[in-house]
Amino acid sequence: MSVFRANLKPIVAAAFATVMYSMPVAAQQATLDELFERLKTADTVEAARIEREIQMQWRQSGSPSMDLLLKRGREAMEDDRPEAAVEHYGALIDHAPDFAEGWHGRATAFFEMGRYGLALGDLEHVLSLNPRHYEAIFGLGVIMEQLDRREQAYDAYSLVLGLHPNHERAAEAIKRLGRRVNGAEL
């Protein structure tokens, strides 16, 4: 019986250490709701940090296999191979249809290929899964602008700024389109 206890001690100690050291990490990780609330009032530097934290949470698939497909899709995009990225993201979507980042990645690849209709369909799916996905909303604005639908693009960029007031590209787009959409001030 004493042999059993001697073998049990390291297991109990390891379990205790795991619980004790993982609790602060779990407690420190803010919920998405908290992050979005802080993002609304953050300065530029803090907003960049919060944005990274939000995107890290969005990228958590919960599966090493799905993470690998996401990584391969991103690498294909970095290597300017959107067709290969579509394949990787398509496989990710097939296996994890409720993981918004797979849809977002494929939408980006479709956009790079000039396949705006397919990109719009995937962005719509992203937003059905994650209505606060400001990068997907920004993508809608970019596509609307490409299709010369300035008012819709302006509205999309405005939605982005409502979620993420420090989104530089959306702010630049609002400035660029503002005069055309709202007219010149008198």
C-alpha atoms as a PDB file:
ATOM      1  CA  MET A   1       0.000   0.000   0.000  1.00  0.00           C
ATOM      2  CA  SER A   2       2.852   2.399   0.707  1.00  0.00           C
ATOM      3  CA  VAL A   3       4.207   1.803  -2.816  1.00  0.00           C
ATOM      4  CA  PHE A   4       0.893   2.943  -4.223  1.00  0.00           C
ATOM      5  CA  ARG A   5       0.992   6.159  -2.180  1.00  0.00           C
ATOM      6  CA  ALA A   6       4.544   6.877  -3.261  1.00  0.00           C
ATOM      7  CA  ASN A   7       3.440   6.660  -6.898  1.00  0.00           C
ATOM      8  CA  LEU A   8       0.340   8.723  -6.228  1.00  0.00           C
ATOM      9  CA  LYS A   9       2.197  11.690  -4.732  1.00  0.00           C
ATOM     10  CA  PRO A  10       3.766  12.893  -8.016  1.00  0.00           C
ATOM     11  CA  ILE A  11       0.422  12.570  -9.783  1.00  0.00           C
ATOM     12  CA  VAL A  12      -1.387  14.573  -7.109  1.00  0.00           C
ATOM     13  CA  ALA A  13       1.394  17.167  -7.090  1.00  0.00           C
ATOM     14  CA  ALA A  14       1.263  17.494 -10.881  1.00  0.00           C
ATOM     15  CA  ALA A  15      -2.520  17.827 -10.858  1.00  0.00           C
ATOM     16  CA  PHE A  16      -2.345  20.455  -8.112  1.00  0.00           C
ATOM     17  CA  ALA A  17       0.317  22.422  -9.987  1.00  0.00           C
ATOM     18  CA  THR A  18      -1.683  22.266 -13.193  1.00  0.00           C
ATOM     19  CA  VAL A  19      -4.788  23.623 -11.496  1.00  0.00           C
ATOM     20  CA  MET A  20      -2.917  26.314  -9.570  1.00  0.00           C
ATOM     21  CA  TYR A  21      -0.915  27.615 -12.508  1.00  0.00           C
ATOM     22  CA  SER A  22      -3.701  27.448 -15.078  1.00  0.00           C
ATOM     23  CA  MET A  23      -6.199  29.393 -12.983  1.00  0.00           C
ATOM     24  CA  PRO A  24      -4.488  32.782 -13.309  1.00  0.00           C
ATOM     25  CA  VAL A  25      -4.194  32.327 -17.083  1.00  0.00           C
ATOM     26  CA  ALA A  26      -7.883  31.510 -17.362  1.00  0.00           C
ATOM     27  CA  ALA A  27      -8.759  34.420 -15.082  1.00  0.00           C
ATOM     28  CA  GLN A  28      -6.588  36.813 -17.109  1.00  0.00           C
ATOM     29  CA  GLN A  29      -8.099  35.902 -20.443  1.00  0.00           C
ATOM     30  CA  ALA A  30     -10.835  38.430 -20.982  1.00  0.00           C
ATOM     31  CA  THR A  31     -14.059  37.424 -22.645  1.00  0.00           C
ATOM     32  CA  LEU A  32     -14.786  38.731 -26.107  1.00  0.00           C
ATOM     33  CA  ASP A  33     -17.563  40.912 -24.669  1.00  0.00           C
ATOM     34  CA  GLU A  34     -15.074  42.550 -22.296  1.00  0.00           C
ATOM     35  CA  LEU A  35     -12.518  43.005 -25.065  1.00  0.00           C
ATOM     36  CA  PHE A  36     -15.042  44.661 -27.374  1.00  0.00           C
ATOM     37  CA  GLU A  37     -16.145  47.006 -24.588  1.00  0.00           C
ATOM     38  CA  ARG A  38     -12.540  48.016 -23.913  1.00  0.00           C
ATOM     39  CA  LEU A  39     -11.862  48.385 -27.648  1.00  0.00           C
ATOM     40  CA  LYS A  40     -14.516  51.110 -27.922  1.00  0.00           C
ATOM     41  CA  THR A  41     -12.626  53.465 -25.590  1.00  0.00           C
ATOM     42  CA  ALA A  42      -9.024  52.339 -26.089  1.00  0.00           C
ATOM     43  CA  ASP A  43      -6.281  54.603 -27.388  1.00  0.00           C
ATOM     44  CA  THR A  44      -4.387  53.524 -30.501  1.00  0.00           C
ATOM     45  CA  VAL A  45      -1.707  51.521 -28.687  1.00  0.00           C
ATOM     46  CA  GLU A  46      -4.155  49.744 -26.389  1.00  0.00           C
ATOM     47  CA  ALA A  47      -6.522  49.097 -29.319  1.00  0.00           C
ATOM     48  CA  ALA A  48      -3.764  47.301 -31.214  1.00  0.00           C
ATOM     49  CA  ARG A  49      -3.146  45.043 -28.221  1.00  0.00           C
ATOM     50  CA  ILE A  50      -6.855  44.329 -27.751  1.00  0.00           C
ATOM     51  CA  GLU A  51      -7.231  43.653 -31.473  1.00  0.00           C
ATOM     52  CA  ARG A  52      -4.471  41.011 -31.283  1.00  0.00           C
ATOM     53  CA  GLU A  53      -6.188  39.436 -28.295  1.00  0.00           C
ATOM     54  CA  ILE A  54      -9.553  39.322 -30.086  1.00  0.00           C
ATOM     55  CA  GLN A  55      -7.995  37.810 -33.180  1.00  0.00           C
ATOM     56  CA  MET A  56      -6.172  35.206 -31.094  1.00  0.00           C
ATOM     57  CA  GLN A  57      -9.497  34.134 -29.640  1.00  0.00           C
ATOM     58  CA  TRP A  58     -11.113  34.078 -33.078  1.00  0.00           C
ATOM     59  CA  ARG A  59      -8.327  31.775 -34.306  1.00  0.00           C
ATOM     60  CA  GLN A  60      -8.865  29.185 -31.577  1.00  0.00           C
ATOM     61  CA  SER A  61     -10.467  26.267 -33.351  1.00  0.00           C
ATOM     62  CA  GLY A  62     -10.068  23.848 -30.477  1.00  0.00           C
ATOM     63  CA  SER A  63      -8.513  21.232 -32.740  1.00  0.00           C
ATOM     64  CA  PRO A  64      -4.863  20.761 -33.721  1.00  0.00           C
ATOM     65  CA  SER A  65      -5.953  19.416 -37.113  1.00  0.00           C
ATOM     66  CA  MET A  66      -8.104  22.472 -37.794  1.00  0.00           C
ATOM     67  CA  ASP A  67      -5.319  24.755 -36.575  1.00  0.00           C
ATOM     68  CA  LEU A  68      -2.997  23.102 -39.097  1.00  0.00           C
ATOM     69  CA  LEU A  69      -5.441  23.688 -41.964  1.00  0.00           C
ATOM     70  CA  LEU A  70      -5.823  27.320 -40.882  1.00  0.00           C
ATOM     71  CA  LYS A  71      -2.037  27.708 -40.757  1.00  0.00           C
ATOM     72  CA  ARG A  72      -1.617  26.153 -44.202  1.00  0.00           C
ATOM     73  CA  GLY A  73      -4.257  28.453 -45.640  1.00  0.00           C
ATOM     74  CA  ARG A  74      -2.531  31.497 -44.156  1.00  0.00           C
ATOM     75  CA  GLU A  75       0.855  30.345 -45.439  1.00  0.00           C
ATOM     76  CA  ALA A  76      -0.563  29.846 -48.934  1.00  0.00           C
ATOM     77  CA  MET A  77      -1.927  33.403 -48.842  1.00  0.00           C
ATOM     78  CA  GLU A  78       1.444  34.741 -47.657  1.00  0.00           C
ATOM     79  CA  ASP A  79       3.087  32.883 -50.567  1.00  0.00           C
ATOM     80  CA  ASP A  80       0.601  34.496 -52.993  1.00  0.00           C
ATOM     81  CA  ARG A  81      -1.106  31.183 -53.755  1.00  0.00           C
ATOM     82  CA  PRO A  82      -4.817  31.941 -53.212  1.00  0.00           C
ATOM     83  CA  GLU A  83      -5.930  28.814 -55.122  1.00  0.00           C
ATOM     84  CA  ALA A  84      -4.044  26.612 -52.653  1.00  0.00           C
ATOM     85  CA  ALA A  85      -5.445  28.665 -49.785  1.00  0.00           C
ATOM     86  CA  VAL A  86      -8.987  28.025 -51.038  1.00  0.00           C
ATOM     87  CA  GLU A  87      -8.246  24.280 -50.895  1.00  0.00           C
ATOM     88  CA  HIS A  88      -6.944  24.442 -47.322  1.00  0.00           C
ATOM     89  CA  TYR A  89      -9.742  26.688 -46.110  1.00  0.00           C
ATOM     90  CA  GLY A  90     -12.291  24.533 -47.934  1.00  0.00           C
ATOM     91  CA  ALA A  91     -11.037  21.468 -46.068  1.00  0.00           C
ATOM     92  CA  LEU A  92     -11.206  23.429 -42.822  1.00  0.00           C
ATOM     93  CA  ILE A  93     -14.800  24.468 -43.549  1.00  0.00           C
ATOM     94  CA  ASP A  94     -15.747  20.873 -44.419  1.00  0.00           C
ATOM     95  CA  HIS A  95     -14.453  19.651 -41.059  1.00  0.00           C
ATOM     96  CA  ALA A  96     -15.394  22.655 -38.902  1.00  0.00           C
ATOM     97  CA  PRO A  97     -18.313  24.491 -40.541  1.00  0.00           C
ATOM     98  CA  ASP A  98     -18.973  26.566 -37.408  1.00  0.00           C
ATOM     99  CA  PHE A  99     -15.431  27.962 -37.272  1.00  0.00           C
ATOM    100  CA  ALA A 100     -15.748  31.472 -38.714  1.00  0.00           C
ATOM    101  CA  GLU A 101     -12.024  31.917 -39.442  1.00  0.00           C
ATOM    102  CA  GLY A 102     -12.126  29.192 -42.085  1.00  0.00           C
ATOM    103  CA  TRP A 103     -14.870  31.056 -43.921  1.00  0.00           C
ATOM    104  CA  HIS A 104     -13.054  34.369 -43.490  1.00  0.00           C
ATOM    105  CA  GLY A 105      -9.797  32.978 -44.826  1.00  0.00           C
ATOM    106  CA  ARG A 106     -11.504  31.489 -47.860  1.00  0.00           C
ATOM    107  CA  ALA A 107     -13.353  34.758 -48.489  1.00  0.00           C
ATOM    108  CA  THR A 108     -10.016  36.570 -48.516  1.00  0.00           C
ATOM    109  CA  ALA A 109      -8.563  34.042 -50.947  1.00  0.00           C
ATOM    110  CA  PHE A 110     -11.603  34.322 -53.225  1.00  0.00           C
ATOM    111  CA  PHE A 111     -11.253  38.117 -53.160  1.00  0.00           C
ATOM    112  CA  GLU A 112      -7.594  37.854 -54.180  1.00  0.00           C
ATOM    113  CA  MET A 113      -8.695  35.671 -57.093  1.00  0.00           C
ATOM    114  CA  GLY A 114     -11.246  38.312 -58.175  1.00  0.00           C
ATOM    115  CA  ARG A 115     -14.158  36.020 -57.332  1.00  0.00           C
ATOM    116  CA  TYR A 116     -16.202  38.612 -55.488  1.00  0.00           C
ATOM    117  CA  GLY A 117     -19.492  36.705 -55.460  1.00  0.00           C
ATOM    118  CA  LEU A 118     -17.912  33.720 -53.733  1.00  0.00           C
ATOM    119  CA  ALA A 119     -16.097  36.040 -51.333  1.00  0.00           C
ATOM    120  CA  LEU A 120     -19.369  37.785 -50.470  1.00  0.00           C
ATOM    121  CA  GLY A 121     -21.056  34.445 -49.804  1.00  0.00           C
ATOM    122  CA  ASP A 122     -18.298  33.401 -47.426  1.00  0.00           C
ATOM    123  CA  LEU A 123     -18.292  36.776 -45.667  1.00  0.00           C
ATOM    124  CA  GLU A 124     -22.032  36.455 -45.161  1.00  0.00           C
ATOM    125  CA  HIS A 125     -21.394  33.092 -43.523  1.00  0.00           C
ATOM    126  CA  VAL A 126     -18.667  34.570 -41.292  1.00  0.00           C
ATOM    127  CA  LEU A 127     -21.080  37.221 -40.073  1.00  0.00           C
ATOM    128  CA  SER A 128     -23.828  34.684 -39.427  1.00  0.00           C
ATOM    129  CA  LEU A 129     -21.369  32.897 -37.110  1.00  0.00           C
ATOM    130  CA  ASN A 130     -19.684  36.011 -35.676  1.00  0.00           C
ATOM    131  CA  PRO A 131     -21.637  39.257 -36.196  1.00  0.00           C
ATOM    132  CA  ARG A 132     -18.834  41.330 -34.595  1.00  0.00           C
ATOM    133  CA  HIS A 133     -16.151  40.130 -37.007  1.00  0.00           C
ATOM    134  CA  TYR A 134     -15.002  43.614 -37.978  1.00  0.00           C
ATOM    135  CA  GLU A 135     -12.477  42.257 -40.499  1.00  0.00           C
ATOM    136  CA  ALA A 136     -15.273  40.468 -42.372  1.00  0.00           C
ATOM    137  CA  ILE A 137     -17.355  43.659 -42.328  1.00  0.00           C
ATOM    138  CA  PHE A 138     -14.329  45.566 -43.598  1.00  0.00           C
ATOM    139  CA  GLY A 139     -14.003  42.982 -46.375  1.00  0.00           C
ATOM    140  CA  LEU A 140     -17.621  43.627 -47.333  1.00  0.00           C
ATOM    141  CA  GLY A 141     -16.807  47.319 -47.570  1.00  0.00           C
ATOM    142  CA  VAL A 142     -13.803  46.661 -49.797  1.00  0.00           C
ATOM    143  CA  ILE A 143     -15.847  44.478 -52.139  1.00  0.00           C
ATOM    144  CA  MET A 144     -18.688  47.002 -52.251  1.00  0.00           C
ATOM    145  CA  GLU A 145     -16.168  49.676 -53.122  1.00  0.00           C
ATOM    146  CA  GLN A 146     -14.714  47.479 -55.884  1.00  0.00           C
ATOM    147  CA  LEU A 147     -18.247  47.038 -57.258  1.00  0.00           C
ATOM    148  CA  ASP A 148     -18.717  50.846 -57.173  1.00  0.00           C
ATOM    149  CA  ARG A 149     -21.369  50.648 -54.458  1.00  0.00           C
ATOM    150  CA  ARG A 150     -19.975  53.513 -52.438  1.00  0.00           C
ATOM    151  CA  GLU A 151     -22.904  53.990 -50.072  1.00  0.00           C
ATOM    152  CA  GLN A 152     -22.880  50.324 -49.056  1.00  0.00           C
ATOM    153  CA  ALA A 153     -19.102  50.422 -48.674  1.00  0.00           C
ATOM    154  CA  TYR A 154     -19.366  53.549 -46.520  1.00  0.00           C
ATOM    155  CA  ASP A 155     -22.019  51.876 -44.345  1.00  0.00           C
ATOM    156  CA  ALA A 156     -19.821  48.791 -43.890  1.00  0.00           C
ATOM    157  CA  TYR A 157     -16.810  50.893 -42.918  1.00  0.00           C
ATOM    158  CA  SER A 158     -18.998  52.831 -40.469  1.00  0.00           C
ATOM    159  CA  LEU A 159     -20.057  49.545 -38.853  1.00  0.00           C
ATOM    160  CA  VAL A 160     -16.402  48.593 -38.499  1.00  0.00           C
ATOM    161  CA  LEU A 161     -15.654  51.856 -36.703  1.00  0.00           C
ATOM    162  CA  GLY A 162     -18.644  51.272 -34.427  1.00  0.00           C
ATOM    163  CA  LEU A 163     -17.006  48.038 -33.260  1.00  0.00           C
ATOM    164  CA  HIS A 164     -13.365  49.117 -33.519  1.00  0.00           C
ATOM    165  CA  PRO A 165     -13.016  52.931 -33.493  1.00  0.00           C
ATOM    166  CA  ASN A 166      -9.240  52.722 -34.092  1.00  0.00           C
ATOM    167  CA  HIS A 167      -9.446  50.575 -37.233  1.00  0.00           C
ATOM    168  CA  GLU A 168      -7.089  52.619 -39.414  1.00  0.00           C
ATOM    169  CA  ARG A 169      -8.078  51.219 -42.802  1.00  0.00           C
ATOM    170  CA  ALA A 170     -11.793  51.743 -42.120  1.00  0.00           C
ATOM    171  CA  ALA A 171     -11.133  55.314 -40.946  1.00  0.00           C
ATOM    172  CA  GLU A 172      -9.123  56.013 -44.113  1.00  0.00           C
ATOM    173  CA  ALA A 173     -11.914  54.562 -46.247  1.00  0.00           C
ATOM    174  CA  ILE A 174     -14.523  56.723 -44.487  1.00  0.00           C
ATOM    175  CA  LYS A 175     -12.431  59.819 -45.224  1.00  0.00           C
ATOM    176  CA  ARG A 176     -11.939  58.763 -48.831  1.00  0.00           C
ATOM    177  CA  LEU A 177     -15.621  58.015 -49.444  1.00  0.00           C
ATOM    178  CA  GLY A 178     -17.168  60.619 -47.142  1.00  0.00           C
ATOM    179  CA  ARG A 179     -17.302  63.459 -49.609  1.00  0.00           C
ATOM    180  CA  ARG A 180     -18.586  61.265 -52.431  1.00  0.00           C
ATOM    181  CA  VAL A 181     -21.303  59.675 -50.296  1.00  0.00           C
ATOM    182  CA  ASN A 182     -22.340  62.591 -48.080  1.00  0.00           C
ATOM    183  CA  GLY A 183     -21.565  65.415 -50.477  1.00  0.00           C
ATOM    184  CA  ALA A 184     -19.463  68.510 -49.835  1.00  0.00           C
ATOM    185  CA  GLU A 185     -20.218  70.656 -46.822  1.00  0.00           C
ATOM    186  CA  LEU A 186     -21.482  74.153 -47.512  1.00  0.00           C
END
